[in-house]
N, C-alpha and C. Protein backbone atom coordinates (compact mmCIF):
# COMPACT_ATOMS: atom_id res chain seq x y z
N MET A 1 -34.11 117.32 32.36
CA MET A 1 -33.26 118.38 31.88
C MET A 1 -34.08 119.31 30.98
N ASP A 2 -33.91 120.62 31.18
CA ASP A 2 -34.65 121.59 30.38
C ASP A 2 -34.13 121.60 28.95
N ASP A 3 -34.98 122.13 28.06
CA ASP A 3 -34.56 122.26 26.65
C ASP A 3 -33.39 123.21 26.50
N ILE A 4 -33.30 124.19 27.40
CA ILE A 4 -32.20 125.15 27.31
C ILE A 4 -30.88 124.49 27.63
N GLU A 5 -30.90 123.59 28.61
CA GLU A 5 -29.67 122.93 29.01
C GLU A 5 -29.28 121.78 28.09
N ASN A 6 -30.22 121.26 27.31
CA ASN A 6 -29.97 120.13 26.44
C ASN A 6 -29.52 120.63 25.07
N PRO A 7 -28.25 120.42 24.71
CA PRO A 7 -27.78 120.91 23.41
C PRO A 7 -28.36 120.13 22.24
N ASP A 8 -28.89 118.93 22.49
CA ASP A 8 -29.44 118.12 21.42
C ASP A 8 -30.93 118.38 21.19
N ALA A 9 -31.53 119.23 22.01
CA ALA A 9 -32.96 119.50 21.86
C ALA A 9 -33.20 120.23 20.56
N SER A 10 -34.32 119.95 19.94
CA SER A 10 -34.64 120.60 18.67
C SER A 10 -35.08 122.04 18.93
N LEU A 11 -34.72 122.90 18.03
CA LEU A 11 -35.09 124.30 18.15
C LEU A 11 -36.51 124.50 17.67
N PRO A 12 -37.22 125.45 18.25
CA PRO A 12 -38.58 125.70 17.76
C PRO A 12 -38.52 126.28 16.35
N ALA A 13 -39.55 125.99 15.59
CA ALA A 13 -39.60 126.46 14.21
C ALA A 13 -39.71 127.98 14.20
N PRO A 14 -38.93 128.65 13.34
CA PRO A 14 -39.02 130.11 13.29
C PRO A 14 -40.36 130.54 12.71
N ARG A 15 -40.82 131.70 13.17
CA ARG A 15 -42.07 132.23 12.65
C ARG A 15 -41.85 132.72 11.24
N ALA A 16 -42.88 132.70 10.47
CA ALA A 16 -42.78 133.19 9.10
C ALA A 16 -42.56 134.69 9.13
N ALA A 17 -41.53 135.11 8.44
CA ALA A 17 -41.23 136.54 8.40
C ALA A 17 -42.14 137.21 7.39
N GLY A 18 -42.70 138.31 7.78
CA GLY A 18 -43.58 139.04 6.88
C GLY A 18 -43.36 140.51 7.04
N PHE A 19 -44.09 141.28 6.31
CA PHE A 19 -43.95 142.72 6.37
C PHE A 19 -45.27 143.31 6.83
N GLY A 20 -45.21 144.49 7.37
CA GLY A 20 -46.41 145.18 7.81
C GLY A 20 -46.67 144.96 9.27
N GLU A 21 -47.82 145.46 9.73
CA GLU A 21 -48.14 145.39 11.14
C GLU A 21 -48.44 143.98 11.60
N GLY A 22 -48.89 143.12 10.73
CA GLY A 22 -49.24 141.76 11.13
C GLY A 22 -48.03 140.89 11.43
N ALA A 23 -46.83 141.33 11.05
CA ALA A 23 -45.63 140.52 11.22
C ALA A 23 -44.97 140.73 12.57
N GLU A 24 -45.45 141.66 13.38
CA GLU A 24 -44.83 141.90 14.67
C GLU A 24 -45.89 141.83 15.75
N GLY A 25 -45.44 141.65 16.97
CA GLY A 25 -46.37 141.52 18.08
C GLY A 25 -46.99 142.83 18.49
N LYS A 26 -48.03 142.71 19.32
CA LYS A 26 -48.72 143.92 19.77
C LYS A 26 -47.80 144.82 20.59
N GLY A 27 -46.88 144.22 21.36
CA GLY A 27 -45.97 145.02 22.18
C GLY A 27 -45.10 145.92 21.33
N ALA A 28 -44.59 145.38 20.22
CA ALA A 28 -43.73 146.19 19.34
C ALA A 28 -44.53 147.31 18.69
N ARG A 29 -45.78 147.00 18.30
CA ARG A 29 -46.60 148.04 17.69
C ARG A 29 -46.94 149.11 18.72
N ARG A 30 -47.18 148.70 19.97
CA ARG A 30 -47.52 149.65 21.01
C ARG A 30 -46.32 150.56 21.29
N GLU A 31 -45.10 149.98 21.32
CA GLU A 31 -43.91 150.79 21.56
C GLU A 31 -43.69 151.81 20.44
N ARG A 32 -43.99 151.41 19.23
CA ARG A 32 -43.80 152.30 18.09
C ARG A 32 -44.97 153.25 17.91
N GLY A 33 -46.00 153.11 18.74
CA GLY A 33 -47.14 154.00 18.65
C GLY A 33 -48.08 153.67 17.52
N LEU A 34 -48.14 152.41 17.11
CA LEU A 34 -48.99 152.04 15.99
C LEU A 34 -50.32 151.43 16.42
N SER A 35 -50.50 151.25 17.73
CA SER A 35 -51.78 150.72 18.16
C SER A 35 -52.67 151.89 18.58
N GLY A 36 -53.91 151.69 18.57
CA GLY A 36 -54.83 152.74 18.95
C GLY A 36 -55.27 153.53 17.73
N PRO A 37 -56.12 154.52 17.97
CA PRO A 37 -56.64 155.28 16.83
C PRO A 37 -55.56 156.11 16.17
N ARG A 38 -55.72 156.32 14.89
CA ARG A 38 -54.80 157.17 14.14
C ARG A 38 -55.03 158.62 14.54
N VAL A 39 -53.96 159.33 14.73
CA VAL A 39 -54.05 160.72 15.15
C VAL A 39 -53.58 161.59 14.00
N GLY A 40 -54.19 162.73 13.85
CA GLY A 40 -53.84 163.64 12.77
C GLY A 40 -52.52 164.34 13.03
N ARG A 41 -52.18 165.21 12.11
CA ARG A 41 -50.91 165.93 12.17
C ARG A 41 -50.82 166.80 13.42
N VAL A 42 -51.88 167.48 13.80
CA VAL A 42 -51.88 168.35 14.98
C VAL A 42 -51.72 167.52 16.25
N GLY A 43 -52.40 166.38 16.31
CA GLY A 43 -52.28 165.51 17.47
C GLY A 43 -50.87 164.96 17.64
N ARG A 44 -50.25 164.59 16.53
CA ARG A 44 -48.88 164.08 16.59
C ARG A 44 -47.92 165.18 17.01
N MET A 45 -48.12 166.40 16.51
CA MET A 45 -47.26 167.52 16.88
C MET A 45 -47.42 167.84 18.36
N THR A 46 -48.65 167.81 18.86
CA THR A 46 -48.90 168.07 20.28
C THR A 46 -48.21 167.01 21.13
N GLN A 47 -48.34 165.75 20.73
CA GLN A 47 -47.69 164.67 21.49
C GLN A 47 -46.18 164.82 21.45
N PHE A 48 -45.64 165.20 20.30
CA PHE A 48 -44.20 165.40 20.17
C PHE A 48 -43.73 166.50 21.12
N LEU A 49 -44.45 167.61 21.16
CA LEU A 49 -44.06 168.71 22.05
C LEU A 49 -44.17 168.31 23.51
N ARG A 50 -45.19 167.51 23.87
CA ARG A 50 -45.28 167.01 25.25
C ARG A 50 -44.08 166.12 25.58
N ASP A 51 -43.71 165.27 24.63
CA ASP A 51 -42.56 164.38 24.86
C ASP A 51 -41.27 165.17 24.99
N VAL A 52 -41.12 166.22 24.18
CA VAL A 52 -39.92 167.05 24.26
C VAL A 52 -39.86 167.75 25.61
N ARG A 53 -40.99 168.28 26.05
CA ARG A 53 -41.03 168.97 27.35
C ARG A 53 -40.68 168.01 28.49
N ALA A 54 -41.23 166.79 28.44
CA ALA A 54 -40.93 165.80 29.48
C ALA A 54 -39.46 165.41 29.45
N GLU A 55 -38.90 165.27 28.26
CA GLU A 55 -37.48 164.89 28.14
C GLU A 55 -36.57 166.01 28.63
N MET A 56 -36.94 167.26 28.34
CA MET A 56 -36.12 168.39 28.78
C MET A 56 -36.10 168.52 30.30
N LYS A 57 -37.14 168.05 30.96
CA LYS A 57 -37.15 168.08 32.43
C LYS A 57 -36.15 167.08 33.00
N ARG A 58 -35.83 166.04 32.24
CA ARG A 58 -34.90 165.01 32.72
C ARG A 58 -33.44 165.34 32.43
N VAL A 59 -33.19 166.39 31.66
CA VAL A 59 -31.82 166.75 31.29
C VAL A 59 -31.10 167.32 32.50
N SER A 60 -29.86 166.90 32.70
CA SER A 60 -29.06 167.50 33.78
C SER A 60 -28.19 168.58 33.15
N TRP A 61 -28.52 169.82 33.45
CA TRP A 61 -27.84 170.95 32.86
C TRP A 61 -26.57 171.27 33.64
N PRO A 62 -25.47 171.60 32.95
CA PRO A 62 -24.24 171.95 33.67
C PRO A 62 -24.37 173.33 34.32
N SER A 63 -23.58 173.53 35.35
CA SER A 63 -23.58 174.83 36.00
C SER A 63 -22.79 175.83 35.15
N ALA A 64 -22.93 177.11 35.48
CA ALA A 64 -22.21 178.15 34.73
C ALA A 64 -20.70 177.97 34.88
N ARG A 65 -20.27 177.54 36.05
CA ARG A 65 -18.83 177.32 36.28
C ARG A 65 -18.31 176.18 35.41
N GLU A 66 -19.08 175.08 35.31
CA GLU A 66 -18.65 173.96 34.46
C GLU A 66 -18.57 174.39 33.00
N VAL A 67 -19.54 175.17 32.54
CA VAL A 67 -19.52 175.64 31.15
C VAL A 67 -18.30 176.53 30.91
N LYS A 68 -18.01 177.43 31.85
CA LYS A 68 -16.86 178.32 31.72
C LYS A 68 -15.56 177.52 31.67
N ASN A 69 -15.42 176.53 32.58
CA ASN A 69 -14.20 175.74 32.61
C ASN A 69 -14.00 174.93 31.34
N THR A 70 -15.05 174.28 30.84
CA THR A 70 -14.89 173.48 29.62
C THR A 70 -14.65 174.38 28.41
N THR A 71 -15.22 175.59 28.42
CA THR A 71 -14.95 176.53 27.33
C THR A 71 -13.49 176.95 27.33
N ILE A 72 -12.94 177.24 28.49
CA ILE A 72 -11.53 177.63 28.58
C ILE A 72 -10.64 176.48 28.13
N ILE A 73 -10.94 175.27 28.58
CA ILE A 73 -10.14 174.10 28.17
C ILE A 73 -10.20 173.93 26.66
N THR A 74 -11.38 174.10 26.07
CA THR A 74 -11.53 173.96 24.62
C THR A 74 -10.72 175.02 23.88
N LEU A 75 -10.79 176.25 24.33
CA LEU A 75 -10.03 177.33 23.68
C LEU A 75 -8.53 177.10 23.78
N VAL A 76 -8.05 176.65 24.94
CA VAL A 76 -6.62 176.37 25.10
C VAL A 76 -6.20 175.25 24.16
N ALA A 77 -7.03 174.21 24.06
CA ALA A 77 -6.70 173.09 23.16
C ALA A 77 -6.68 173.54 21.71
N VAL A 78 -7.63 174.38 21.31
CA VAL A 78 -7.67 174.87 19.93
C VAL A 78 -6.42 175.70 19.62
N VAL A 79 -6.05 176.59 20.53
CA VAL A 79 -4.85 177.42 20.31
C VAL A 79 -3.61 176.54 20.25
N PHE A 80 -3.50 175.57 21.15
CA PHE A 80 -2.34 174.67 21.16
C PHE A 80 -2.21 173.93 19.83
N PHE A 81 -3.31 173.33 19.37
CA PHE A 81 -3.24 172.56 18.13
C PHE A 81 -3.03 173.47 16.91
N ALA A 82 -3.55 174.69 16.96
CA ALA A 82 -3.31 175.62 15.85
C ALA A 82 -1.83 175.95 15.75
N VAL A 83 -1.21 176.26 16.89
CA VAL A 83 0.22 176.58 16.90
C VAL A 83 1.03 175.36 16.48
N TYR A 84 0.67 174.18 17.01
CA TYR A 84 1.39 172.95 16.67
C TYR A 84 1.31 172.67 15.17
N LEU A 85 0.12 172.74 14.60
CA LEU A 85 -0.02 172.46 13.17
C LEU A 85 0.66 173.52 12.32
N PHE A 86 0.65 174.78 12.77
CA PHE A 86 1.38 175.83 12.06
C PHE A 86 2.87 175.51 12.02
N LEU A 87 3.43 175.12 13.18
CA LEU A 87 4.86 174.81 13.23
C LEU A 87 5.20 173.58 12.40
N VAL A 88 4.38 172.56 12.44
CA VAL A 88 4.62 171.37 11.63
C VAL A 88 4.57 171.73 10.14
N ASP A 89 3.61 172.57 9.76
CA ASP A 89 3.51 173.00 8.37
C ASP A 89 4.75 173.78 7.94
N ARG A 90 5.23 174.68 8.80
CA ARG A 90 6.42 175.47 8.47
C ARG A 90 7.65 174.57 8.35
N VAL A 91 7.80 173.58 9.24
CA VAL A 91 8.95 172.68 9.18
C VAL A 91 8.91 171.87 7.89
N TRP A 92 7.76 171.30 7.54
CA TRP A 92 7.65 170.51 6.31
C TRP A 92 7.89 171.38 5.08
N SER A 93 7.36 172.60 5.13
CA SER A 93 7.58 173.51 4.01
C SER A 93 9.07 173.80 3.83
N PHE A 94 9.75 174.09 4.93
CA PHE A 94 11.19 174.34 4.88
C PHE A 94 11.95 173.13 4.33
N LEU A 95 11.61 171.93 4.84
CA LEU A 95 12.28 170.71 4.38
C LEU A 95 12.05 170.45 2.89
N LEU A 96 10.84 170.68 2.43
CA LEU A 96 10.56 170.45 1.01
C LEU A 96 11.26 171.47 0.12
N ILE A 97 11.33 172.71 0.58
CA ILE A 97 12.06 173.72 -0.19
C ILE A 97 13.55 173.36 -0.26
N GLN A 98 14.12 172.94 0.85
CA GLN A 98 15.53 172.54 0.87
C GLN A 98 15.76 171.32 -0.01
N LEU A 99 14.84 170.37 0.01
CA LEU A 99 14.96 169.19 -0.84
C LEU A 99 14.91 169.60 -2.31
N ASN A 100 14.02 170.52 -2.65
CA ASN A 100 13.91 170.99 -4.03
C ASN A 100 15.20 171.68 -4.48
N HIS A 101 15.76 172.53 -3.61
CA HIS A 101 17.03 173.20 -3.95
C HIS A 101 18.16 172.17 -4.10
N GLY A 102 18.15 171.18 -3.22
CA GLY A 102 19.19 170.14 -3.29
C GLY A 102 19.08 169.34 -4.57
N LEU A 103 17.86 168.99 -4.96
CA LEU A 103 17.69 168.23 -6.20
C LEU A 103 18.03 169.08 -7.42
N ASP A 104 17.72 170.37 -7.38
CA ASP A 104 18.10 171.26 -8.49
C ASP A 104 19.63 171.33 -8.62
N SER A 105 20.32 171.48 -7.49
CA SER A 105 21.78 171.54 -7.51
C SER A 105 22.36 170.23 -8.02
N LEU A 106 21.79 169.11 -7.57
CA LEU A 106 22.27 167.80 -8.01
C LEU A 106 22.05 167.60 -9.51
N SER A 107 20.89 168.02 -10.00
CA SER A 107 20.62 167.84 -11.44
C SER A 107 21.54 168.73 -12.28
N ARG A 108 21.85 169.95 -11.80
CA ARG A 108 22.80 170.80 -12.53
C ARG A 108 24.19 170.21 -12.51
N TRP A 109 24.58 169.64 -11.37
CA TRP A 109 25.92 169.04 -11.24
C TRP A 109 26.06 167.83 -12.15
N LEU A 110 24.94 167.03 -12.27
CA LEU A 110 24.97 165.85 -13.12
C LEU A 110 24.73 166.21 -14.60
N GLY A 111 24.30 167.42 -14.87
CA GLY A 111 24.13 167.86 -16.25
C GLY A 111 22.75 167.56 -16.81
N PHE A 112 21.74 167.44 -15.98
CA PHE A 112 20.38 167.17 -16.51
C PHE A 112 19.71 168.42 -16.86
């Protein structure tokens, strides 16, 4: 039976946790770009621009029709919610004014 299938098998001892480049494997350093010679500011900027250019080639850009349709949908939604919130605000304002008048009348009637 493999160690994976055996629940009673002892676990391997964890590696000592440390800080810095020595605490991680070469693969992690390579992924983060920490292996190899140190590159200056211009070299890093050049590499960044190359990476941006390569990434922009992979972007799937929407067509003009898709942009127009989503813009119209967004504008309709904004107008709808603006009108809805305006009406809700007016209703609450009316109700609070009526409540205030009612409480004023009640306090006068009770003699406060």
